[in-house]
Amino acid sequence: MDITERFLNYTKFDTQSAEDSQSVPSTKKQLAFAEYLMKELKAEGLDDVEMDDNGYVYATLKSNVKGEVPTIGFISHYDTSPDCSGKDIKARIVKNYDGSDITLSDGIVSSPKKFPELLNHVGEDLIVTDGHTLLGADDKAGIAEIVQAMCYMRDHKEIRHGNIRIAFNPDEEIGMGAHHFDVDKFGCEWAYTMDGGDLGELEYENFNAASAKVNIKGVSVHPGYAKGKMVNAARLAAEFASMLPADETPETTEGYQGFYHLIGMNANIEGATLSYIIRDHDRKKFEDRKDFIEDCARKMNEKYGEGTCVAEVKDQYYNMKEKIDPNMHVIDIVLKAMQECGVPPRVQPIRGGTDGAQLSFKGLPCPNIFAGGVNFHGPYEFVSIQVMEKAMSIIIKICQLSAEYND
């Protein structure tokens, strides 16, 4: 089986996760794919294949060298985003893409005018959707690349490598992918998530992240007799929102710039709730942002009375750079692998999170490498077969270089 067939098989499974679920995985349909993966890995001859009660799949490609070399790992998630349907995906291949518009279905066109990223892949074979679902390259492309690389090394004994551990997990798209990941069972000195975007992407910096829920208590009184009595929580919610800087939102920032993001608001006279996410790459600025939210709540209470406004701020994850910096050999190996495979590296910060960030803080340094998907989470998603093949070659080269690594 080649990497294209493997990936297309994976897209047949609907593995959409659900943010409002309390179960693990968040949807039962993810388990159907996890069981398929487990059977596939066993059929391909990998060792230590298992799936735990939470749907995390682990396996090993055994070392073929004598002596002690580092055990390293590769990780991808199998859930797809709740933002767009992943049911009945109808993928097709556009061979030798010529740079023109791609008609996905009647009236639905993927055009380089809107998606200039397409022009980076002229002459390549692109896998696209029919315009009604996402594709699932995020992150089934990563899974296909990892499995294909393991099979290639299994069949090419001349490629020297140590023990290679692989793992596939649910619920990354809802921020829960690393929560039940068993780092001790995985048993690696370091690992890589294959969950980045286009060719050459390498990421080992991400946002520090927190959530903030702001609860405002109001007093409802008949509006005709409300003077000096009513406290309109809906109006106070709007006032609170206006206290945050208008030029520090997702739609006004880029690169290393952080933001406050109002993701939801429920309000009436008696009560209001504002839900925010807080993001910044810089740890001090991140702490300052959290303090600012709480300062705004204090100012509201000074103005309208103690207990009117309560801000609950909770950390979600941190910038993995803090854990990667002392282990830069993990990055050096990737950069050398890319160089030897003819892939120009594109090192950039993630304006978001990754399972690797949480895993890094669990003691497993885990940067993120490209998997090839573009335009994630929507019907215009696509992946280049040639980029998937490059990602597979990077995995193999990392395994070779890691076997030569001497601390």
Protein backbone atom coordinates (compact mmCIF):
# COMPACT_ATOMS: atom_id res chain seq x y z
CA MET A 1 0.00 0.00 0.00
CA ASP A 2 1.39 3.42 -0.90
CA ILE A 3 0.98 6.58 1.14
CA THR A 4 -1.84 7.91 -1.07
CA GLU A 5 -3.99 4.80 -0.73
CA ARG A 6 -3.32 4.72 3.01
CA PHE A 7 -4.39 8.33 3.46
CA LEU A 8 -7.50 7.94 1.30
CA ASN A 9 -8.53 4.93 3.39
CA TYR A 10 -8.22 7.04 6.52
CA THR A 11 -10.45 9.80 5.13
CA LYS A 12 -13.33 7.32 4.90
CA PHE A 13 -13.68 7.44 8.69
CA ASP A 14 -15.67 10.24 10.30
CA THR A 15 -13.62 11.12 13.38
CA GLN A 16 -14.96 14.57 14.27
CA SER A 17 -14.45 15.44 17.94
CA ALA A 18 -17.01 17.37 20.05
CA GLU A 19 -16.24 20.24 22.41
CA ASP A 20 -19.34 19.81 24.57
CA SER A 21 -18.72 16.14 25.33
CA GLN A 22 -17.51 14.85 28.69
CA SER A 23 -16.45 11.41 27.42
CA VAL A 24 -12.98 10.27 26.33
CA PRO A 25 -12.73 10.17 23.38
CA SER A 26 -15.30 12.93 22.98
CA THR A 27 -17.10 10.93 20.26
CA LYS A 28 -17.54 7.16 19.95
CA LYS A 29 -16.91 7.26 16.20
CA GLN A 30 -13.26 8.09 16.88
CA LEU A 31 -12.86 4.65 18.47
CA ALA A 32 -13.87 2.92 15.23
CA PHE A 33 -10.89 4.48 13.49
CA ALA A 34 -8.58 3.81 16.44
CA GLU A 35 -9.49 0.12 16.26
CA TYR A 36 -8.83 0.14 12.51
CA LEU A 37 -5.41 1.68 13.10
CA MET A 38 -4.58 -0.89 15.76
CA LYS A 39 -5.44 -3.75 13.39
CA GLU A 40 -3.48 -2.12 10.57
CA LEU A 41 -0.36 -1.69 12.70
CA LYS A 42 -0.51 -5.32 13.79
CA ALA A 43 -0.95 -6.45 10.18
CA GLU A 44 2.08 -4.38 9.20
CA GLY A 45 4.17 -6.26 11.74
CA LEU A 46 4.83 -3.57 14.33
CA ASP A 47 5.44 -4.57 17.92
CA ASP A 48 3.78 -3.61 21.21
CA VAL A 49 0.60 -2.56 19.43
CA GLU A 50 -2.11 -1.59 21.89
CA MET A 51 -5.05 0.71 22.38
CA ASP A 52 -5.88 1.90 25.88
CA ASP A 53 -9.33 2.56 27.31
CA ASN A 54 -9.23 6.18 26.13
CA GLY A 55 -8.54 5.32 22.49
CA TYR A 56 -4.80 6.12 22.48
CA VAL A 57 -2.97 3.78 20.09
CA TYR A 58 0.71 2.93 20.71
CA ALA A 59 3.17 0.78 18.75
CA THR A 60 6.91 0.17 18.26
CA LEU A 61 9.27 -0.38 15.38
CA LYS A 62 12.08 -2.30 17.05
CA SER A 63 15.69 -1.17 16.86
CA ASN A 64 17.99 -2.78 14.28
CA VAL A 65 21.26 -1.50 15.77
CA LYS A 66 23.44 -2.84 18.55
CA GLY A 67 24.13 -0.79 21.64
CA GLU A 68 22.05 1.89 23.27
CA VAL A 69 20.61 4.63 21.11
CA PRO A 70 17.81 7.06 21.97
CA THR A 71 14.22 5.87 21.76
CA ILE A 72 12.30 8.56 19.91
CA GLY A 73 8.66 8.91 18.94
CA PHE A 74 6.24 10.28 16.35
CA ILE A 75 2.71 11.36 17.22
CA SER A 76 -0.39 12.39 15.27
CA HIS A 77 -4.03 12.90 16.19
CA TYR A 78 -6.88 11.17 14.42
CA ASP A 79 -9.80 13.44 15.28
CA THR A 80 -10.95 16.10 12.87
CA SER A 81 -12.22 19.57 13.67
CA PRO A 82 -15.75 20.23 14.97
CA ASP A 83 -15.77 23.30 12.69
CA CYS A 84 -16.72 21.37 9.54
CA SER A 85 -18.33 18.03 8.75
CA GLY A 86 -16.05 15.03 8.34
CA LYS A 87 -18.82 12.64 7.30
CA ASP A 88 -18.86 10.98 3.88
CA ILE A 89 -15.70 12.70 2.67
CA LYS A 90 -15.38 12.42 -1.09
CA ALA A 91 -11.71 12.95 -1.79
CA ARG A 92 -10.24 13.02 -5.28
CA ILE A 93 -6.83 13.59 -6.82
CA VAL A 94 -6.02 16.50 -9.10
CA LYS A 95 -3.00 15.22 -10.99
CA ASN A 96 -0.23 17.57 -12.12
CA TYR A 97 -2.01 20.69 -10.86
CA ASP A 98 -1.63 23.48 -13.42
CA GLY A 99 -2.31 26.54 -11.26
CA SER A 100 -5.88 27.13 -12.42
CA ASP A 101 -9.16 27.09 -10.49
CA ILE A 102 -10.20 23.70 -9.13
CA THR A 103 -13.93 22.97 -9.37
CA LEU A 104 -14.75 20.93 -6.28
CA SER A 105 -18.44 20.58 -7.18
CA ASP A 106 -21.15 22.67 -8.84
CA GLY A 107 -20.68 26.27 -7.73
CA ILE A 108 -17.83 25.48 -5.33
CA VAL A 109 -14.42 26.47 -6.62
CA SER A 110 -11.00 26.47 -4.98
CA SER A 111 -9.18 29.33 -6.65
CA PRO A 112 -5.59 30.55 -6.27
CA LYS A 113 -7.05 34.07 -6.25
CA LYS A 114 -8.57 33.29 -2.86
CA PHE A 115 -6.08 30.61 -1.81
CA PRO A 116 -2.68 31.64 -3.24
CA GLU A 117 -1.09 28.70 -1.41
CA LEU A 118 -2.25 26.55 -4.30
CA LEU A 119 0.39 28.12 -6.53
CA ASN A 120 3.13 26.64 -4.34
CA HIS A 121 2.06 23.23 -5.61
CA VAL A 122 1.91 23.63 -9.37
CA GLY A 123 3.01 20.38 -11.00
CA GLU A 124 2.12 18.30 -7.95
CA ASP A 125 -0.77 15.90 -7.35
CA LEU A 126 -3.30 17.41 -4.95
CA ILE A 127 -5.94 15.60 -2.92
CA VAL A 128 -9.02 17.78 -2.53
CA THR A 129 -12.60 17.50 -1.24
CA ASP A 130 -15.91 17.84 -3.08
CA GLY A 131 -16.49 21.16 -1.29
CA HIS A 132 -18.99 19.82 1.26
CA THR A 133 -16.68 18.47 3.99
CA LEU A 134 -13.19 18.97 5.25
CA LEU A 135 -10.52 16.56 3.98
CA GLY A 136 -8.95 15.43 7.24
CA ALA A 137 -5.32 15.96 6.28
CA ASP A 138 -5.22 17.54 9.75
CA ASP A 139 -4.05 15.10 10.90
CA LYS A 140 -4.62 11.89 8.97
CA ALA A 141 -1.85 12.98 6.61
CA GLY A 142 0.47 12.85 9.62
CA ILE A 143 -0.72 9.36 10.51
CA ALA A 144 -0.25 8.12 6.94
CA GLU A 145 3.27 9.56 6.85
CA ILE A 146 4.26 7.94 10.12
CA VAL A 147 2.82 4.52 9.28
CA GLN A 148 4.31 4.58 5.77
CA ALA A 149 7.73 5.53 7.18
CA MET A 150 7.60 2.63 9.65
CA CYS A 151 6.71 0.20 6.85
CA TYR A 152 9.51 1.56 4.66
CA MET A 153 12.10 1.10 7.40
CA ARG A 154 10.71 -2.35 8.16
CA ASP A 155 11.38 -3.31 4.55
CA HIS A 156 14.77 -1.59 4.27
CA LYS A 157 16.96 -3.10 6.93
CA GLU A 158 19.93 -1.07 5.69
CA ILE A 159 18.38 2.00 7.35
CA ARG A 160 19.79 1.98 10.87
CA HIS A 161 17.49 3.16 13.63
CA GLY A 162 16.83 2.69 17.31
CA ASN A 163 13.47 1.85 18.87
CA ILE A 164 10.84 4.07 17.28
CA ARG A 165 7.62 4.57 19.19
CA ILE A 166 4.50 5.87 17.48
CA ALA A 167 1.23 7.06 18.99
CA PHE A 168 -2.10 8.24 17.65
CA ASN A 169 -4.54 10.09 19.87
CA PRO A 170 -8.08 11.49 19.87
CA ASP A 171 -9.42 14.95 20.70
CA GLU A 172 -6.50 17.21 19.74
CA GLU A 173 -8.88 19.58 17.99
CA ILE A 174 -10.68 20.32 21.26
CA GLY A 175 -7.45 20.76 23.22
CA MET A 176 -7.63 17.43 25.02
CA GLY A 177 -5.27 15.30 22.95
CA ALA A 178 -2.39 15.26 25.42
CA HIS A 179 -4.45 15.08 28.61
CA HIS A 180 -4.57 11.29 28.72
CA PHE A 181 -1.34 10.61 26.82
CA ASP A 182 0.80 8.16 28.82
CA VAL A 183 4.29 9.65 28.55
CA ASP A 184 5.80 6.96 30.78
CA LYS A 185 4.32 4.15 28.67
CA PHE A 186 5.49 5.89 25.51
CA GLY A 187 9.02 5.72 26.92
CA CYS A 188 10.80 8.16 24.59
CA GLU A 189 13.63 10.61 25.18
CA TRP A 190 11.99 13.02 22.76
CA ALA A 191 9.30 12.97 20.09
CA TYR A 192 7.75 14.91 17.21
CA THR A 193 4.16 15.65 16.35
CA MET A 194 3.53 15.42 12.61
CA ASP A 195 0.78 18.00 12.67
CA GLY A 196 2.11 21.12 10.94
CA GLY A 197 1.03 22.66 7.67
CA ASP A 198 2.84 23.08 4.39
CA LEU A 199 6.28 21.88 3.26
CA GLY A 200 9.17 22.73 5.56
CA GLU A 201 7.21 24.01 8.57
CA LEU A 202 8.95 23.40 11.89
CA GLU A 203 7.42 24.80 15.05
CA TYR A 204 8.74 24.79 18.58
CA GLU A 205 7.19 27.98 19.86
CA ASN A 206 3.52 28.36 20.63
CA PHE A 207 1.21 30.59 22.60
CA ASN A 208 0.93 30.53 26.35
CA ALA A 209 -2.79 30.07 26.79
CA ALA A 210 -5.47 30.74 29.37
CA SER A 211 -9.24 30.94 29.47
CA ALA A 212 -11.20 33.62 31.29
CA LYS A 213 -14.84 33.47 32.27
CA VAL A 214 -16.25 36.78 33.46
CA ASN A 215 -19.53 36.57 35.38
CA ILE A 216 -21.54 39.74 35.99
CA LYS A 217 -24.40 39.91 38.44
CA GLY A 218 -27.25 42.32 37.74
CA VAL A 219 -30.44 43.47 39.43
CA SER A 220 -33.69 43.38 37.48
CA VAL A 221 -36.26 46.07 38.17
CA HIS A 222 -39.20 47.30 36.10
CA PRO A 223 -37.64 49.87 33.74
CA GLY A 224 -40.27 52.43 34.63
CA TYR A 225 -39.11 52.44 38.25
CA ALA A 226 -35.45 51.46 37.79
CA LYS A 227 -33.63 54.66 38.72
CA GLY A 228 -31.02 53.96 41.39
CA LYS A 229 -32.08 50.32 41.60
CA MET A 230 -31.46 48.47 38.34
CA VAL A 231 -28.07 46.99 37.52
CA ASN A 232 -28.22 45.94 33.86
CA ALA A 233 -25.75 43.06 33.54
CA ALA A 234 -26.00 43.09 29.74
CA ARG A 235 -24.91 46.73 29.60
CA LEU A 236 -22.12 46.07 32.11
CA ALA A 237 -20.92 43.18 29.95
CA ALA A 238 -20.58 45.54 27.01
CA GLU A 239 -18.73 47.98 29.26
CA PHE A 240 -16.33 45.25 30.40
CA ALA A 241 -15.65 44.21 26.80
CA SER A 242 -14.88 47.83 25.90
CA MET A 243 -12.19 47.98 28.61
CA LEU A 244 -10.00 45.52 26.69
CA PRO A 245 -7.74 47.00 23.98
CA ALA A 246 -9.46 46.92 20.60
CA ASP A 247 -6.15 46.49 18.75
CA GLU A 248 -5.21 43.31 20.64
CA THR A 249 -7.63 40.81 19.14
CA PRO A 250 -7.01 37.89 16.75
CA GLU A 251 -8.17 39.93 13.77
CA THR A 252 -5.65 42.71 14.46
CA THR A 253 -2.53 40.71 15.40
CA GLU A 254 0.04 38.41 13.80
CA GLY A 255 3.39 36.72 14.43
CA TYR A 256 4.43 36.98 18.05
CA GLN A 257 1.66 39.43 18.99
CA GLY A 258 -0.70 38.23 21.67
CA PHE A 259 -4.40 38.92 22.07
CA TYR A 260 -7.63 38.75 24.03
CA HIS A 261 -10.36 36.89 22.15
CA LEU A 262 -14.02 37.16 23.12
CA ILE A 263 -15.41 33.79 22.06
CA GLY A 264 -18.87 34.04 23.54
CA MET A 265 -21.32 36.22 25.47
CA ASN A 266 -24.64 35.43 27.15
CA ALA A 267 -26.41 38.36 28.72
CA ASN A 268 -29.66 39.67 30.13
CA ILE A 269 -30.48 42.16 32.86
CA GLU A 270 -29.96 39.78 35.78
CA GLY A 271 -26.74 38.17 34.63
CA ALA A 272 -24.08 38.03 31.95
CA THR A 273 -21.16 35.79 31.11
CA LEU A 274 -18.28 36.66 28.81
CA SER A 275 -15.89 33.91 27.70
CA TYR A 276 -12.37 34.84 26.61
CA ILE A 277 -9.22 33.10 25.56
CA ILE A 278 -5.92 34.85 26.36
CA ARG A 279 -2.82 34.22 24.24
CA ASP A 280 0.80 35.43 24.19
CA HIS A 281 4.15 33.90 23.28
CA ASP A 282 5.99 35.91 25.92
CA ARG A 283 5.46 34.46 29.40
CA LYS A 284 5.63 37.82 31.22
CA LYS A 285 3.22 39.47 28.79
CA PHE A 286 0.95 36.44 29.21
CA GLU A 287 0.93 36.88 32.99
CA ASP A 288 0.28 40.61 32.51
CA ARG A 289 -2.69 39.88 30.29
CA LYS A 290 -4.25 37.62 32.93
CA ASP A 291 -3.67 40.30 35.57
CA PHE A 292 -5.29 42.90 33.32
CA ILE A 293 -8.50 40.85 33.05
CA GLU A 294 -8.65 40.64 36.84
CA ASP A 295 -7.89 44.37 37.16
CA CYS A 296 -10.82 45.13 34.89
CA ALA A 297 -13.07 43.04 37.13
CA ARG A 298 -11.83 44.94 40.19
CA LYS A 299 -12.56 48.28 38.52
CA MET A 300 -16.09 47.10 37.72
CA ASN A 301 -16.59 46.16 41.36
CA GLU A 302 -15.26 49.52 42.54
CA LYS A 303 -17.79 51.22 40.29
CA TYR A 304 -20.85 49.00 40.76
CA GLY A 305 -20.29 47.24 44.08
CA GLU A 306 -18.27 44.29 45.36
CA GLY A 307 -19.32 40.97 43.88
CA THR A 308 -20.83 42.49 40.74
CA CYS A 309 -18.05 41.14 38.52
CA VAL A 310 -16.05 37.94 39.03
CA ALA A 311 -13.28 36.84 36.66
CA GLU A 312 -12.18 33.19 36.67
CA VAL A 313 -8.86 32.82 34.84
CA LYS A 314 -7.42 29.36 34.20
CA ASP A 315 -4.18 28.40 32.47
CA GLN A 316 -4.53 25.98 29.57
CA TYR A 317 -1.01 25.38 28.23
CA TYR A 318 2.37 27.06 27.91
CA ASN A 319 4.96 27.89 25.27
CA MET A 320 6.95 24.74 24.57
CA LYS A 321 10.05 26.83 23.78
CA GLU A 322 10.69 26.91 27.50
CA LYS A 323 11.21 23.12 27.40
CA ILE A 324 12.80 22.86 23.95
CA ASP A 325 15.56 25.43 24.52
CA PRO A 326 17.48 23.11 26.91
CA ASN A 327 17.11 20.29 24.35
CA MET A 328 18.02 21.99 21.08
CA HIS A 329 19.53 18.79 19.66
CA VAL A 330 15.90 17.78 19.03
CA ILE A 331 15.61 20.72 16.63
CA ASP A 332 19.12 20.36 15.19
CA ILE A 333 18.29 16.82 14.10
CA VAL A 334 15.18 17.98 12.23
CA LEU A 335 17.04 20.81 10.52
CA LYS A 336 19.76 18.40 9.39
CA ALA A 337 17.14 15.91 8.19
CA MET A 338 15.44 18.61 6.14
CA GLN A 339 18.75 19.71 4.68
CA GLU A 340 19.65 16.16 3.63
CA CYS A 341 16.18 15.65 2.15
CA GLY A 342 16.27 18.90 0.19
CA VAL A 343 13.50 20.60 2.16
CA PRO A 344 14.06 24.30 3.01
CA PRO A 345 13.03 24.71 6.67
CA ARG A 346 10.40 27.28 7.62
CA VAL A 347 10.80 27.80 11.35
CA GLN A 348 7.88 29.79 12.71
CA PRO A 349 5.86 30.27 15.89
CA ILE A 350 2.48 28.59 16.20
CA ARG A 351 -0.33 31.06 16.67
CA GLY A 352 -2.20 28.43 18.59
CA GLY A 353 -1.49 25.31 20.59
CA THR A 354 -0.36 21.80 19.88
CA ASP A 355 -0.33 18.49 21.71
CA GLY A 356 3.45 18.82 21.64
CA ALA A 357 3.29 21.85 23.95
CA GLN A 358 1.47 19.96 26.66
CA LEU A 359 3.64 16.89 26.15
CA SER A 360 6.78 19.02 26.46
CA PHE A 361 5.61 20.15 29.88
CA LYS A 362 4.91 16.51 30.79
CA GLY A 363 8.62 15.84 30.27
CA LEU A 364 8.61 14.82 26.60
CA PRO A 365 10.26 17.48 24.37
CA CYS A 366 8.01 17.46 21.33
CA PRO A 367 8.24 20.03 18.50
CA ASN A 368 5.89 20.02 15.54
CA ILE A 369 6.78 19.12 11.92
CA PHE A 370 4.79 19.71 8.72
CA ALA A 371 2.31 17.09 7.58
CA GLY A 372 1.37 18.87 4.35
CA GLY A 373 -2.24 19.89 4.79
CA VAL A 374 -3.35 23.38 3.74
CA ASN A 375 -6.57 25.32 4.53
CA PHE A 376 -7.41 23.15 7.54
CA HIS A 377 -10.88 22.83 9.06
CA GLY A 378 -12.89 23.58 5.96
CA PRO A 379 -14.02 22.35 2.54
CA TYR A 380 -11.08 23.99 0.71
CA GLU A 381 -8.55 21.85 2.55
CA PHE A 382 -6.04 20.05 0.37
CA VAL A 383 -2.80 18.13 0.63
CA SER A 384 -0.04 17.45 -1.90
CA ILE A 385 0.96 13.82 -2.34
CA GLN A 386 4.55 14.90 -3.01
CA VAL A 387 4.64 16.89 0.25
CA MET A 388 3.34 13.86 2.18
CA GLU A 389 6.13 11.82 0.62
CA LYS A 390 8.67 14.48 1.69
CA ALA A 391 7.31 14.38 5.24
CA MET A 392 7.71 10.60 5.23
CA SER A 393 11.32 10.96 4.08
CA ILE A 394 11.98 13.47 6.90
CA ILE A 395 10.67 10.95 9.46
CA ILE A 396 13.01 8.27 8.11
CA LYS A 397 16.00 10.61 8.10
CA ILE A 398 15.26 11.74 11.68
CA CYS A 399 15.26 8.09 12.76
CA GLN A 400 18.64 7.55 11.10
CA LEU A 401 20.20 10.70 12.57
CA SER A 402 18.81 9.98 16.04
CA ALA A 403 20.47 6.54 15.98
CA GLU A 404 23.78 8.36 15.45
CA TYR A 405 23.12 10.94 18.16
CA ASN A 406 25.61 10.81 21.03
CA ASP A 407 24.83 12.89 24.05
